[in-house]
Protein backbone atom coordinates (compact mmCIF):
# COMPACT_ATOMS: atom_id res chain seq x y z
CA MET A 1 -8.04 17.62 11.61
CA PRO A 2 -6.53 21.26 11.27
CA ALA A 3 -2.91 21.79 9.67
CA GLU A 4 -0.29 22.78 11.68
CA SER A 5 0.97 26.22 10.75
CA GLU A 6 4.94 25.14 11.48
CA LEU A 7 6.54 22.14 11.63
CA ARG A 8 9.38 21.23 13.50
CA GLN A 9 12.06 18.60 12.24
CA SER A 10 12.31 15.56 14.27
CA LYS A 11 15.06 15.46 16.71
CA THR A 12 15.41 11.59 16.63
CA SER A 13 15.67 9.22 13.53
CA LYS A 14 14.08 6.57 15.61
CA SER A 15 10.51 6.29 14.07
CA THR A 16 8.77 4.24 17.16
CA SER A 17 9.19 3.85 20.65
CA MET A 18 9.94 0.45 21.90
CA SER A 19 6.27 0.06 22.73
CA GLY A 20 5.37 0.41 18.95
CA LEU A 21 3.96 3.75 19.62
CA VAL A 22 4.81 6.10 16.84
CA THR A 23 6.73 9.40 18.10
CA SER A 24 7.02 12.42 15.99
CA THR A 25 7.28 16.36 16.48
CA GLN A 26 4.44 16.71 13.86
CA ARG A 27 1.19 17.45 15.75
CA GLY A 28 -1.66 17.50 12.82
CA ILE A 29 -2.01 16.90 9.26
CA HIS A 30 0.71 18.45 7.26
CA PRO A 31 0.03 21.64 5.92
CA ARG A 32 1.57 20.79 2.58
CA LEU A 33 -0.57 17.44 2.24
CA GLU A 34 -3.02 18.91 -0.39
CA ILE A 35 -0.13 20.57 -2.22
CA CYS A 36 1.99 17.35 -2.42
CA VAL A 37 -1.19 15.28 -3.57
CA ARG A 38 -2.61 17.62 -6.28
CA LYS A 39 0.95 17.62 -7.96
CA HIS A 40 0.98 13.88 -8.18
CA LEU A 41 -2.26 13.95 -9.33
CA GLU A 42 -1.52 16.23 -12.16
CA THR A 43 2.18 14.75 -12.97
CA PRO A 44 1.71 11.13 -13.35
CA TRP A 45 4.83 9.29 -12.05
CA SER A 46 7.18 7.62 -14.77
CA GLN A 47 10.07 6.04 -12.71
CA PRO A 48 11.59 3.13 -14.38
CA TYR A 49 10.42 -0.02 -13.10
CA HIS A 50 12.55 -2.27 -10.83
CA ARG A 51 13.93 -5.06 -12.71
CA PRO A 52 13.67 -8.06 -9.82
CA SER A 53 9.86 -6.79 -9.22
CA LEU A 54 9.28 -7.22 -12.86
CA GLU A 55 10.48 -10.55 -13.00
CA ALA A 56 8.43 -11.35 -10.06
CA PHE A 57 5.46 -10.08 -11.61
CA GLU A 58 6.32 -12.02 -14.90
CA HIS A 59 6.15 -15.23 -12.63
CA LEU A 60 2.72 -14.45 -11.26
CA GLU A 61 1.69 -14.11 -15.06
CA ARG A 62 3.24 -17.27 -15.89
CA GLU A 63 1.55 -18.97 -13.13
CA ARG A 64 -1.90 -17.56 -14.45
CA ALA A 65 -2.30 -16.17 -11.29
CA PHE A 66 -4.90 -13.60 -12.61
CA SER A 67 -6.75 -15.92 -14.87
CA ASP A 68 -8.08 -18.66 -12.40
CA GLY A 69 -11.77 -16.72 -12.00
CA ARG A 70 -11.36 -16.03 -8.30
CA GLY A 71 -11.62 -12.67 -6.64
CA LEU A 72 -8.23 -10.74 -6.15
CA ILE A 73 -7.28 -9.65 -2.77
CA LEU A 74 -3.95 -7.81 -2.03
CA ASP A 75 -2.36 -7.49 1.21
CA SER A 76 0.59 -4.71 0.37
CA GLY A 77 3.43 -4.60 2.81
CA CYS A 78 2.32 -7.86 4.06
CA GLY A 79 5.68 -8.27 6.03
CA THR A 80 6.22 -12.22 7.31
CA GLY A 81 3.19 -13.20 5.25
CA LYS A 82 0.83 -14.02 8.13
CA SER A 83 -1.71 -11.46 7.64
CA THR A 84 -1.88 -13.03 4.06
CA GLN A 85 -2.36 -16.27 5.53
CA ARG A 86 -5.10 -15.26 7.70
CA LEU A 87 -6.97 -13.18 4.71
CA ALA A 88 -6.60 -16.51 3.03
CA ALA A 89 -8.54 -18.31 5.62
CA MET A 90 -11.15 -15.34 6.10
CA PHE A 91 -11.92 -15.24 2.25
CA PRO A 92 -11.36 -19.08 1.10
CA GLY A 93 -13.13 -18.38 -2.27
CA HIS A 94 -10.32 -15.49 -3.33
CA LEU A 95 -7.04 -15.63 -4.37
CA VAL A 96 -4.95 -13.65 -1.69
CA ILE A 97 -1.63 -12.04 -3.06
CA GLY A 98 0.67 -10.70 -0.08
CA VAL A 99 3.63 -8.47 -1.15
CA ASP A 100 6.65 -7.27 0.47
CA ARG A 101 10.04 -6.62 -0.36
CA SER A 102 11.93 -8.03 2.57
CA ILE A 103 12.93 -11.39 2.06
CA SER A 104 13.96 -11.92 5.64
CA ARG A 105 10.68 -11.24 6.40
CA LEU A 106 8.85 -13.23 3.97
CA ALA A 107 11.30 -16.27 4.96
CA LYS A 108 9.32 -16.67 8.15
CA SER A 109 6.43 -17.87 6.26
CA GLY A 110 8.63 -20.35 4.18
CA VAL A 111 9.54 -18.14 1.34
CA THR A 112 12.94 -19.01 0.14
CA SER A 113 13.06 -17.41 -3.49
CA ASN A 114 10.88 -14.60 -4.65
CA PHE A 115 7.74 -16.62 -4.95
CA LEU A 116 5.60 -18.63 -2.97
CA ARG A 117 2.26 -20.21 -3.81
CA CYS A 118 0.23 -22.38 -1.30
CA GLU A 119 -3.63 -23.19 -1.45
CA ASN A 120 -5.35 -19.70 -2.28
CA PHE A 121 -2.53 -17.26 -1.39
CA ILE A 122 0.85 -16.01 -2.99
CA LEU A 123 3.47 -14.57 -1.06
CA LEU A 124 5.69 -12.33 -3.65
CA ARG A 125 8.87 -10.45 -2.70
CA SER A 126 8.38 -7.32 -5.02
CA ASP A 127 9.06 -3.42 -4.81
CA LEU A 128 5.37 -2.04 -4.26
CA THR A 129 5.96 0.99 -6.60
CA THR A 130 6.56 -1.22 -9.16
CA PHE A 131 4.13 -4.01 -8.68
CA TRP A 132 1.13 -1.71 -8.49
CA ARG A 133 1.89 -0.02 -11.89
CA LEU A 134 2.28 -3.39 -13.29
CA LEU A 135 -0.99 -4.70 -12.11
CA LEU A 136 -2.39 -1.26 -12.94
CA HIS A 137 -1.46 -1.72 -16.53
CA SER A 138 -2.48 -5.71 -16.92
CA GLY A 139 -6.06 -4.57 -16.25
CA CYS A 140 -6.47 -7.26 -13.70
CA PRO A 141 -9.35 -6.14 -11.35
CA VAL A 142 -8.68 -6.02 -7.65
CA GLU A 143 -11.60 -6.87 -5.34
CA ARG A 144 -9.99 -5.95 -2.13
CA HIS A 145 -6.85 -4.06 -0.82
CA PHE A 146 -5.51 -4.25 2.45
CA LEU A 147 -2.55 -1.77 3.67
CA PHE A 148 -1.54 -3.05 7.42
CA TYR A 149 0.51 -0.81 9.29
CA PRO A 150 2.87 0.83 6.70
CA ASN A 151 5.97 2.66 7.76
CA PRO A 152 4.61 6.08 9.25
CA TRP A 153 7.88 7.92 8.25
CA PRO A 154 7.00 9.97 11.19
CA LYS A 155 9.51 13.14 10.33
CA PRO A 156 7.47 15.93 8.96
CA GLY A 157 10.32 16.10 6.20
CA HIS A 158 8.97 12.63 5.05
CA LEU A 159 5.79 13.32 3.99
CA SER A 160 6.66 12.41 0.47
CA ARG A 161 7.69 8.92 1.71
CA ARG A 162 4.23 8.06 3.23
CA TRP A 163 2.04 6.34 0.73
CA HIS A 164 -0.50 9.34 0.56
CA GLY A 165 2.32 11.52 -0.16
CA HIS A 166 4.38 9.39 -2.61
CA PRO A 167 4.06 9.98 -6.13
CA VAL A 168 2.56 6.28 -6.66
CA PHE A 169 -0.39 7.23 -4.86
CA PRO A 170 -2.95 8.06 -7.91
CA GLN A 171 -1.98 4.63 -9.10
CA LEU A 172 -2.69 3.12 -5.85
CA LEU A 173 -5.91 4.38 -5.92
CA ALA A 174 -6.55 3.68 -9.55
CA LEU A 175 -6.01 -0.04 -8.79
CA GLY A 176 -9.63 0.15 -7.37
CA GLY A 177 -11.49 -2.32 -5.05
CA GLU A 178 -12.59 -1.83 -1.59
CA MET A 179 -9.28 -0.38 0.20
CA GLU A 180 -8.69 -0.44 3.85
CA MET A 181 -5.55 1.21 5.63
CA ARG A 182 -5.03 0.44 9.35
CA CYS A 183 -2.21 1.84 11.26
CA ASN A 184 -1.68 2.78 15.09
CA TRP A 185 -0.77 6.62 14.33
CA ASP A 186 -4.02 8.75 14.07
CA ILE A 187 -1.98 11.49 12.28
CA TYR A 188 -1.13 8.98 9.50
CA ALA A 189 -4.63 7.74 9.24
CA GLY A 190 -5.92 11.47 9.15
CA GLU A 191 -3.67 12.50 6.21
CA PHE A 192 -4.67 9.07 4.42
CA ALA A 193 -8.47 9.83 4.65
CA GLN A 194 -7.70 13.49 3.58
CA ALA A 195 -5.54 12.83 0.74
CA THR A 196 -8.22 10.12 -0.52
CA ARG A 197 -10.96 12.79 -0.16
CA PHE A 198 -8.60 15.26 -2.34
CA ALA A 199 -8.47 12.94 -5.03
CA THR A 200 -11.71 11.09 -5.12
CA ALA A 201 -14.19 13.48 -3.35
CA ALA A 202 -15.18 10.18 -1.32
CA SER A 203 -16.66 10.75 2.07
CA THR A 204 -13.68 8.84 3.62
CA CYS A 205 -13.28 9.08 7.40
CA VAL A 206 -11.23 7.65 10.12
CA GLU A 207 -12.57 4.95 12.24
CA LYS A 208 -11.20 4.47 15.59
CA ILE A 209 -11.29 0.28 16.00
CA GLN A 210 -11.23 -2.69 18.40
CA PRO A 211 -11.00 -5.99 16.23
CA GLU A 212 -12.16 -8.99 17.99
CA LYS A 213 -9.44 -10.74 16.04
CA ALA A 214 -5.94 -9.34 14.91
CA ILE A 215 -5.05 -9.91 10.91
CA SER A 216 -1.47 -8.71 11.05
CA PRO A 217 1.12 -9.51 13.74
CA PHE A 218 1.44 -5.85 14.49
CA GLU A 219 -1.97 -5.66 15.38
CA ASP A 220 -1.62 -8.76 17.71
CA LYS A 221 1.00 -6.79 19.68
CA TYR A 222 -0.90 -3.36 19.53
CA LEU A 223 -4.12 -4.86 20.73
CA GLU A 224 -2.36 -6.75 23.26
CA ARG A 225 -0.70 -3.47 24.65
CA GLY A 226 -3.95 -1.70 24.58
CA GLN A 227 -3.09 1.02 21.76
CA SER A 228 -5.32 2.82 19.71
CA LEU A 229 -5.99 1.46 16.28
CA PHE A 230 -7.20 3.19 13.03
CA SER A 231 -8.55 2.46 9.72
CA VAL A 232 -9.50 4.24 6.67
CA LYS A 233 -11.84 2.45 4.05
CA VAL A 234 -12.38 3.83 0.42
CA ASP A 235 -15.45 2.58 -1.41
CA ALA A 236 -14.94 0.46 -4.53
CA GLN A 237 -17.27 2.53 -6.44
CA ALA A 238 -15.13 5.76 -5.64
CA LEU A 239 -11.89 4.35 -6.79
CA LYS A 240 -13.74 3.13 -9.84
CA ALA A 241 -15.09 6.79 -10.51
CA PHE A 242 -11.38 8.15 -9.89
CA ARG A 243 -9.89 5.89 -12.11
CA VAL A 244 -12.09 6.94 -15.21
CA SER A 245 -11.43 10.54 -14.24
CA TRP A 246 -8.01 10.90 -13.43
CA PRO A 247 -5.95 12.47 -16.11
CA GLY A 248 -3.53 9.91 -16.04
CA HIS A 249 -5.79 7.00 -16.66
CA GLU A 250 -5.29 6.26 -20.43
CA SER A 251 -1.73 5.82 -19.84
CA ASN A 252 -2.10 4.86 -16.06
CA GLY A 253 0.60 6.83 -15.09
CA LEU A 254 3.13 4.34 -16.39
CA SER A 255 6.68 4.76 -18.15
CA SER A 256 6.87 4.46 -21.51
CA LEU A 257 9.51 1.63 -21.04
CA PRO A 258 8.47 -1.51 -22.64
CA TYR A 259 6.69 -4.09 -20.53
CA SER A 260 9.14 -7.20 -21.01
CA VAL A 261 11.76 -7.52 -18.63
CA SER A 262 13.89 -8.59 -21.50
CA THR A 263 14.02 -5.01 -22.70
CA SER A 264 13.86 -2.84 -19.60
CA THR A 265 17.00 -1.18 -18.36
CA THR A 266 15.92 -0.99 -14.74
CA THR A 267 18.69 -2.15 -12.43
CA GLY A 268 18.65 -3.09 -8.57
CA GLY A 269 17.84 -5.11 -5.98
CA VAL A 270 14.93 -5.19 -3.73
């Protein structure tokens, strides 16, 4: 997908139409995508951790979530948690952790605090940029990682807010496991695939999909409306090789702040 030589600023702050289709003045892969990705690869991100997310992660460790012997599956940006529950049913021998920063969305699955454990899944309220870095620091292996319909941030000026343009992107890749991102905007899918190729040299591509059964509530709606859906899958071996070769792998690109919540200076709410 060729890069656009010029981008116009979006005339509206509305990210999606009423039908759920993404609207944007951007017509192709962002011309600054490679510059943005390479900058983040060369400059490890060290933003302070988010205090409530640190506390939530320590809760996971107290619950021994990472040491029960089951393979770990992540559902990042799980929204209401329905996709996490569906993944748990699909992979009964695994532990599925769904993470989202919105307590109002998680409350729809019965989450009344920052943590809910049920059968083989956990729902956690946390900021993903902190959660991913802490999980990477913990050394806990990830077997599968799903990102279903992330916020597309469709304005051309918002490239750095998309996961593949965000400073945390190298840590996201370094977590490893077989990763799949699904969305309903072909440009986002194309950028995610291209950013992954820049970082890992893997032959990552975009696949147009028509799932027989939806996993996330968004996917339910999009399939019902007959919209085009796209998937980008990244091989676990490619991500393992990236983690070893990435210049930030020794420090995992983490800040030098102490790990314990009691000594963290980070403030703010999820």
